[in-house]
């Protein structure tokens, strides 16, 4: 997404050549392939861990840190190593995204039209906010020290990075759609008018 915005804003005349169907297929394959490989390594490694402290987790999310708490073997260090590698890959993606957005913001600030700047920022800022929320809470969940761990904190952090970004993404990107904005305004005004009409008059 950040590369798409970068090319669209900073190199609009080259958009068709830089982001053709072949480039999109390669980027999608790289994202899906790396995600599948990471998930496969984590799954294989957690299933190989000996569990000797029962099989009940403190929360309803079956998260890797929760599974590691049940392990009684030093082989969990392999999983910690995999988590560190995953964090490094995520950090590399974050650096790429931040560099892309720095270039985008530099280009946007040179746009003379206020409306053009607003349109570009409204496209980029929601994506940057969702990615930052996801990465920061995921890194915190997987690398926080056990001394500050609690079931309630673990649950809140897990919801923040596994439920909230996918739920908010469609809403954020569709809110730029004029028809959807008009429909939401009509729904709110209709709901408000119904509540007002039900209020008893003295």
C-alpha atoms as a PDB file:
ATOM      1  CA  UNK A   1       0.000   0.000   0.000  1.00  0.00           C
ATOM      2  CA  UNK A   2       2.754   2.486   0.884  1.00  0.00           C
ATOM      3  CA  UNK A   3       4.614   1.727  -2.353  1.00  0.00           C
ATOM      4  CA  UNK A   4       1.388   2.137  -4.314  1.00  0.00           C
ATOM      5  CA  UNK A   5       0.785   5.538  -2.698  1.00  0.00           C
ATOM      6  CA  UNK A   6       4.441   6.490  -3.235  1.00  0.00           C
ATOM      7  CA  UNK A   7       4.305   5.733  -6.950  1.00  0.00           C
ATOM      8  CA  UNK A   8       0.861   7.342  -7.371  1.00  0.00           C
ATOM      9  CA  UNK A   9       1.927  10.595  -5.685  1.00  0.00           C
ATOM     10  CA  UNK A  10       5.658  10.889  -6.367  1.00  0.00           C
ATOM     11  CA  UNK A  11       5.874   9.276  -9.823  1.00  0.00           C
ATOM     12  CA  UNK A  12       2.351   9.395 -11.283  1.00  0.00           C
ATOM     13  CA  UNK A  13       3.508   9.284 -14.920  1.00  0.00           C
ATOM     14  CA  UNK A  14       5.324   5.980 -14.292  1.00  0.00           C
ATOM     15  CA  UNK A  15       2.476   4.358 -12.342  1.00  0.00           C
ATOM     16  CA  UNK A  16       1.446   2.022 -15.155  1.00  0.00           C
ATOM     17  CA  UNK A  17       4.984   0.748 -15.740  1.00  0.00           C
ATOM     18  CA  UNK A  18       6.127   0.512 -12.096  1.00  0.00           C
ATOM     19  CA  UNK A  19       2.922  -1.090 -10.824  1.00  0.00           C
ATOM     20  CA  UNK A  20       1.818  -3.250 -13.701  1.00  0.00           C
ATOM     21  CA  UNK A  21       0.145  -6.604 -13.242  1.00  0.00           C
ATOM     22  CA  UNK A  22       3.477  -8.441 -13.031  1.00  0.00           C
ATOM     23  CA  UNK A  23       4.777  -6.172 -10.235  1.00  0.00           C
ATOM     24  CA  UNK A  24       1.511  -6.561  -8.318  1.00  0.00           C
ATOM     25  CA  UNK A  25       1.663 -10.354  -8.636  1.00  0.00           C
ATOM     26  CA  UNK A  26       5.274 -10.389  -7.400  1.00  0.00           C
ATOM     27  CA  UNK A  27       4.482  -8.174  -4.399  1.00  0.00           C
ATOM     28  CA  UNK A  28       1.390 -10.202  -3.485  1.00  0.00           C
ATOM     29  CA  UNK A  29       3.324 -13.473  -3.832  1.00  0.00           C
ATOM     30  CA  UNK A  30       6.151 -12.126  -1.644  1.00  0.00           C
ATOM     31  CA  UNK A  31       3.709 -10.970   1.052  1.00  0.00           C
ATOM     32  CA  UNK A  32       1.664 -14.195   1.044  1.00  0.00           C
ATOM     33  CA  UNK A  33       4.743 -16.415   0.784  1.00  0.00           C
ATOM     34  CA  UNK A  34       6.590 -14.753   3.658  1.00  0.00           C
ATOM     35  CA  UNK A  35       3.441 -14.774   5.805  1.00  0.00           C
ATOM     36  CA  UNK A  36       2.797 -18.450   5.068  1.00  0.00           C
ATOM     37  CA  UNK A  37       6.432 -19.413   5.751  1.00  0.00           C
ATOM     38  CA  UNK A  38       6.511 -17.505   9.033  1.00  0.00           C
ATOM     39  CA  UNK A  39       3.205 -19.047  10.161  1.00  0.00           C
ATOM     40  CA  UNK A  40       4.394 -22.525   9.164  1.00  0.00           C
ATOM     41  CA  UNK A  41       7.671 -22.177  11.110  1.00  0.00           C
ATOM     42  CA  UNK A  42       5.900 -20.875  14.216  1.00  0.00           C
ATOM     43  CA  UNK A  43       3.228 -23.586  14.048  1.00  0.00           C
ATOM     44  CA  UNK A  44       5.730 -26.411  13.574  1.00  0.00           C
ATOM     45  CA  UNK A  45       7.900 -25.103  16.382  1.00  0.00           C
ATOM     46  CA  UNK A  46       5.114 -24.583  18.914  1.00  0.00           C
ATOM     47  CA  UNK A  47       3.722 -28.076  18.232  1.00  0.00           C
ATOM     48  CA  UNK A  48       7.159 -29.526  18.961  1.00  0.00           C
ATOM     49  CA  UNK A  49       7.351 -27.881  22.400  1.00  0.00           C
ATOM     50  CA  UNK A  50       6.789 -30.199  25.373  1.00  0.00           C
ATOM     51  CA  UNK A  51       3.969 -28.837  27.532  1.00  0.00           C
ATOM     52  CA  UNK A  52       4.056 -29.817  31.196  1.00  0.00           C
ATOM     53  CA  UNK A  53       2.033 -27.094  32.925  1.00  0.00           C
ATOM     54  CA  UNK A  54      -1.405 -28.162  31.741  1.00  0.00           C
ATOM     55  CA  UNK A  55      -3.111 -27.221  28.521  1.00  0.00           C
ATOM     56  CA  UNK A  56      -5.252 -24.287  29.706  1.00  0.00           C
ATOM     57  CA  UNK A  57      -4.390 -20.808  28.422  1.00  0.00           C
ATOM     58  CA  UNK A  58      -5.119 -17.626  30.372  1.00  0.00           C
ATOM     59  CA  UNK A  59      -7.178 -16.192  27.507  1.00  0.00           C
ATOM     60  CA  UNK A  60      -9.235 -17.299  24.524  1.00  0.00           C
ATOM     61  CA  UNK A  61      -6.581 -16.214  21.973  1.00  0.00           C
ATOM     62  CA  UNK A  62      -4.158 -19.056  21.294  1.00  0.00           C
ATOM     63  CA  UNK A  63      -1.114 -16.785  21.091  1.00  0.00           C
ATOM     64  CA  UNK A  64       2.520 -17.890  20.945  1.00  0.00           C
ATOM     65  CA  UNK A  65       3.551 -16.092  24.190  1.00  0.00           C
ATOM     66  CA  UNK A  66       0.693 -17.853  26.015  1.00  0.00           C
ATOM     67  CA  UNK A  67       1.809 -21.251  24.678  1.00  0.00           C
ATOM     68  CA  UNK A  68       5.420 -20.571  25.709  1.00  0.00           C
ATOM     69  CA  UNK A  69       4.241 -20.026  29.296  1.00  0.00           C
ATOM     70  CA  UNK A  70       3.057 -23.660  29.354  1.00  0.00           C
ATOM     71  CA  UNK A  71       6.381 -25.055  28.145  1.00  0.00           C
ATOM     72  CA  UNK A  72       8.836 -26.502  30.635  1.00  0.00           C
ATOM     73  CA  UNK A  73      11.718 -27.088  28.231  1.00  0.00           C
ATOM     74  CA  UNK A  74      14.587 -24.912  27.063  1.00  0.00           C
ATOM     75  CA  UNK A  75      13.575 -25.697  23.489  1.00  0.00           C
ATOM     76  CA  UNK A  76      11.262 -22.673  23.703  1.00  0.00           C
ATOM     77  CA  UNK A  77      14.378 -20.611  22.943  1.00  0.00           C
ATOM     78  CA  UNK A  78      13.991 -21.682  19.290  1.00  0.00           C
ATOM     79  CA  UNK A  79      10.558 -20.081  19.274  1.00  0.00           C
ATOM     80  CA  UNK A  80      11.954 -16.938  20.891  1.00  0.00           C
ATOM     81  CA  UNK A  81      14.559 -16.855  18.119  1.00  0.00           C
ATOM     82  CA  UNK A  82      11.809 -17.159  15.509  1.00  0.00           C
ATOM     83  CA  UNK A  83       9.924 -14.336  17.204  1.00  0.00           C
ATOM     84  CA  UNK A  84      13.023 -12.127  17.070  1.00  0.00           C
ATOM     85  CA  UNK A  85      13.457 -12.909  13.351  1.00  0.00           C
ATOM     86  CA  UNK A  86       9.775 -12.079  12.748  1.00  0.00           C
ATOM     87  CA  UNK A  87      10.162  -8.798  14.636  1.00  0.00           C
ATOM     88  CA  UNK A  88      13.238  -7.930  12.566  1.00  0.00           C
ATOM     89  CA  UNK A  89      11.302  -8.608   9.342  1.00  0.00           C
ATOM     90  CA  UNK A  90       8.389  -6.516  10.615  1.00  0.00           C
ATOM     91  CA  UNK A  91      10.788  -3.728  11.553  1.00  0.00           C
ATOM     92  CA  UNK A  92      12.279  -3.857   8.041  1.00  0.00           C
ATOM     93  CA  UNK A  93       8.774  -3.494   6.593  1.00  0.00           C
ATOM     94  CA  UNK A  94       8.086  -0.600   8.949  1.00  0.00           C
ATOM     95  CA  UNK A  95      11.290   1.171   7.869  1.00  0.00           C
ATOM     96  CA  UNK A  96      10.296   0.711   4.208  1.00  0.00           C
ATOM     97  CA  UNK A  97       6.820   2.094   4.924  1.00  0.00           C
ATOM     98  CA  UNK A  98       8.151   5.079   6.896  1.00  0.00           C
ATOM     99  CA  UNK A  99      10.703   5.942   4.186  1.00  0.00           C
ATOM    100  CA  UNK A 100       7.953   5.720   1.556  1.00  0.00           C
ATOM    101  CA  UNK A 101       5.695   8.014   3.554  1.00  0.00           C
ATOM    102  CA  UNK A 102       8.473  10.528   4.231  1.00  0.00           C
ATOM    103  CA  UNK A 103       8.942  10.803   0.469  1.00  0.00           C
ATOM    104  CA  UNK A 104       5.176  11.049   0.002  1.00  0.00           C
ATOM    105  CA  UNK A 105       4.783  13.793   2.619  1.00  0.00           C
ATOM    106  CA  UNK A 106       7.658  15.758   1.100  1.00  0.00           C
ATOM    107  CA  UNK A 107       5.940  15.590  -2.285  1.00  0.00           C
ATOM    108  CA  UNK A 108       2.511  16.408  -0.832  1.00  0.00           C
ATOM    109  CA  UNK A 109       3.770  19.489   1.000  1.00  0.00           C
ATOM    110  CA  UNK A 110       4.954  20.862  -2.341  1.00  0.00           C
ATOM    111  CA  UNK A 111       1.420  20.606  -3.818  1.00  0.00           C
ATOM    112  CA  UNK A 112       0.120  24.180  -4.163  1.00  0.00           C
ATOM    113  CA  UNK A 113      -3.556  23.228  -3.847  1.00  0.00           C
ATOM    114  CA  UNK A 114      -4.970  22.872  -0.336  1.00  0.00           C
ATOM    115  CA  UNK A 115      -7.560  20.414  -1.641  1.00  0.00           C
ATOM    116  CA  UNK A 116      -4.839  18.296  -3.283  1.00  0.00           C
ATOM    117  CA  UNK A 117      -2.834  18.168  -0.064  1.00  0.00           C
ATOM    118  CA  UNK A 118      -5.924  17.191   1.926  1.00  0.00           C
ATOM    119  CA  UNK A 119      -6.801  14.403  -0.526  1.00  0.00           C
ATOM    120  CA  UNK A 120      -3.263  12.975  -0.442  1.00  0.00           C
ATOM    121  CA  UNK A 121      -3.052  13.102   3.370  1.00  0.00           C
ATOM    122  CA  UNK A 122      -6.510  11.530   3.768  1.00  0.00           C
ATOM    123  CA  UNK A 123      -5.301   8.624   1.638  1.00  0.00           C
ATOM    124  CA  UNK A 124      -2.004   8.062   3.453  1.00  0.00           C
ATOM    125  CA  UNK A 125      -2.576   8.836   7.130  1.00  0.00           C
ATOM    126  CA  UNK A 126      -5.211   6.117   7.804  1.00  0.00           C
ATOM    127  CA  UNK A 127      -2.939   3.427   6.360  1.00  0.00           C
ATOM    128  CA  UNK A 128       0.026   4.665   8.386  1.00  0.00           C
ATOM    129  CA  UNK A 129      -2.079   4.743  11.576  1.00  0.00           C
ATOM    130  CA  UNK A 130      -3.384   1.180  11.132  1.00  0.00           C
ATOM    131  CA  UNK A 131       0.073  -0.218  10.297  1.00  0.00           C
ATOM    132  CA  UNK A 132       1.645   1.577  13.274  1.00  0.00           C
ATOM    133  CA  UNK A 133      -1.056   0.273  15.626  1.00  0.00           C
ATOM    134  CA  UNK A 134      -0.661  -3.290  14.355  1.00  0.00           C
ATOM    135  CA  UNK A 135       3.154  -3.407  14.464  1.00  0.00           C
ATOM    136  CA  UNK A 136       3.629  -1.604  17.775  1.00  0.00           C
ATOM    137  CA  UNK A 137       1.093  -3.721  19.672  1.00  0.00           C
ATOM    138  CA  UNK A 138       2.240  -6.981  18.045  1.00  0.00           C
ATOM    139  CA  UNK A 139       5.883  -6.313  18.932  1.00  0.00           C
ATOM    140  CA  UNK A 140       4.883  -5.348  22.471  1.00  0.00           C
ATOM    141  CA  UNK A 141       2.769  -8.504  22.868  1.00  0.00           C
ATOM    142  CA  UNK A 142       5.515 -10.844  21.732  1.00  0.00           C
ATOM    143  CA  UNK A 143       8.579  -9.196  23.286  1.00  0.00           C
ATOM    144  CA  UNK A 144       7.311  -7.694  26.547  1.00  0.00           C
ATOM    145  CA  UNK A 145       9.045  -8.978  29.690  1.00  0.00           C
ATOM    146  CA  UNK A 146       7.121 -11.537  31.771  1.00  0.00           C
ATOM    147  CA  UNK A 147       7.259  -9.214  34.789  1.00  0.00           C
ATOM    148  CA  UNK A 148       4.646  -6.878  33.269  1.00  0.00           C
ATOM    149  CA  UNK A 149       2.470  -9.670  31.917  1.00  0.00           C
ATOM    150  CA  UNK A 150      -1.100 -10.054  33.144  1.00  0.00           C
ATOM    151  CA  UNK A 151      -4.103 -11.843  31.601  1.00  0.00           C
ATOM    152  CA  UNK A 152      -6.026  -8.579  31.195  1.00  0.00           C
ATOM    153  CA  UNK A 153      -3.095  -6.744  29.562  1.00  0.00           C
ATOM    154  CA  UNK A 154      -2.385  -9.692  27.264  1.00  0.00           C
ATOM    155  CA  UNK A 155      -6.024  -9.774  26.169  1.00  0.00           C
ATOM    156  CA  UNK A 156      -6.183  -6.028  25.478  1.00  0.00           C
ATOM    157  CA  UNK A 157      -2.932  -6.028  23.502  1.00  0.00           C
ATOM    158  CA  UNK A 158      -3.987  -9.085  21.499  1.00  0.00           C
ATOM    159  CA  UNK A 159      -7.305  -7.463  20.584  1.00  0.00           C
ATOM    160  CA  UNK A 160      -5.457  -4.292  19.576  1.00  0.00           C
ATOM    161  CA  UNK A 161      -3.257  -6.046  17.024  1.00  0.00           C
ATOM    162  CA  UNK A 162      -5.327  -9.028  15.863  1.00  0.00           C
ATOM    163  CA  UNK A 163      -8.924  -7.749  15.853  1.00  0.00           C
ATOM    164  CA  UNK A 164      -8.871  -3.960  15.606  1.00  0.00           C
ATOM    165  CA  UNK A 165      -6.748  -3.361  12.446  1.00  0.00           C
ATOM    166  CA  UNK A 166      -8.666  -5.819  10.226  1.00  0.00           C
ATOM    167  CA  UNK A 167     -11.977  -4.484  11.561  1.00  0.00           C
ATOM    168  CA  UNK A 168     -11.054  -0.820  11.100  1.00  0.00           C
ATOM    169  CA  UNK A 169      -9.353  -1.171   7.695  1.00  0.00           C
ATOM    170  CA  UNK A 170     -12.517  -1.455   5.552  1.00  0.00           C
ATOM    171  CA  UNK A 171     -14.170   1.354   7.490  1.00  0.00           C
ATOM    172  CA  UNK A 172     -11.192   3.706   7.117  1.00  0.00           C
ATOM    173  CA  UNK A 173     -10.751   3.129   3.406  1.00  0.00           C
ATOM    174  CA  UNK A 174     -14.460   3.212   2.607  1.00  0.00           C
ATOM    175  CA  UNK A 175     -15.002   6.471   4.519  1.00  0.00           C
ATOM    176  CA  UNK A 176     -13.419   8.282   1.562  1.00  0.00           C
ATOM    177  CA  UNK A 177     -16.345   7.059  -0.538  1.00  0.00           C
ATOM    178  CA  UNK A 178     -18.880   9.905  -0.929  1.00  0.00           C
ATOM    179  CA  UNK A 179     -21.870   7.579  -1.269  1.00  0.00           C
ATOM    180  CA  UNK A 180     -20.988   5.785   1.970  1.00  0.00           C
ATOM    181  CA  UNK A 181     -20.584   9.096   3.821  1.00  0.00           C
ATOM    182  CA  UNK A 182     -24.004  10.213   2.601  1.00  0.00           C
ATOM    183  CA  UNK A 183     -25.570   6.896   3.638  1.00  0.00           C
ATOM    184  CA  UNK A 184     -24.058   7.141   7.147  1.00  0.00           C
ATOM    185  CA  UNK A 185     -25.299  10.733   7.508  1.00  0.00           C
ATOM    186  CA  UNK A 186     -28.816   9.653   6.471  1.00  0.00           C
ATOM    187  CA  UNK A 187     -28.722   6.729   8.920  1.00  0.00           C
ATOM    188  CA  UNK A 188     -27.599   8.965  11.797  1.00  0.00           C
ATOM    189  CA  UNK A 189     -30.212  11.630  11.036  1.00  0.00           C
ATOM    190  CA  UNK A 190     -32.928   8.959  10.684  1.00  0.00           C
ATOM    191  CA  UNK A 191     -31.907   7.334  14.005  1.00  0.00           C
ATOM    192  CA  UNK A 192     -31.807  10.710  15.742  1.00  0.00           C
ATOM    193  CA  UNK A 193     -35.221  11.717  14.376  1.00  0.00           C
ATOM    194  CA  UNK A 194     -36.738   8.398  15.558  1.00  0.00           C
ATOM    195  CA  UNK A 195     -35.348   8.915  19.079  1.00  0.00           C
ATOM    196  CA  UNK A 196     -36.659  12.478  19.203  1.00  0.00           C
ATOM    197  CA  UNK A 197     -40.122  11.400  18.038  1.00  0.00           C
ATOM    198  CA  UNK A 198     -40.290   8.785  20.840  1.00  0.00           C
ATOM    199  CA  UNK A 199     -39.582  11.302  23.598  1.00  0.00           C
ATOM    200  CA  UNK A 200     -42.865  11.869  25.504  1.00  0.00           C
ATOM    201  CA  UNK A 201     -44.082  15.465  25.613  1.00  0.00           C
ATOM    202  CA  UNK A 202     -45.280  16.813  28.971  1.00  0.00           C
END
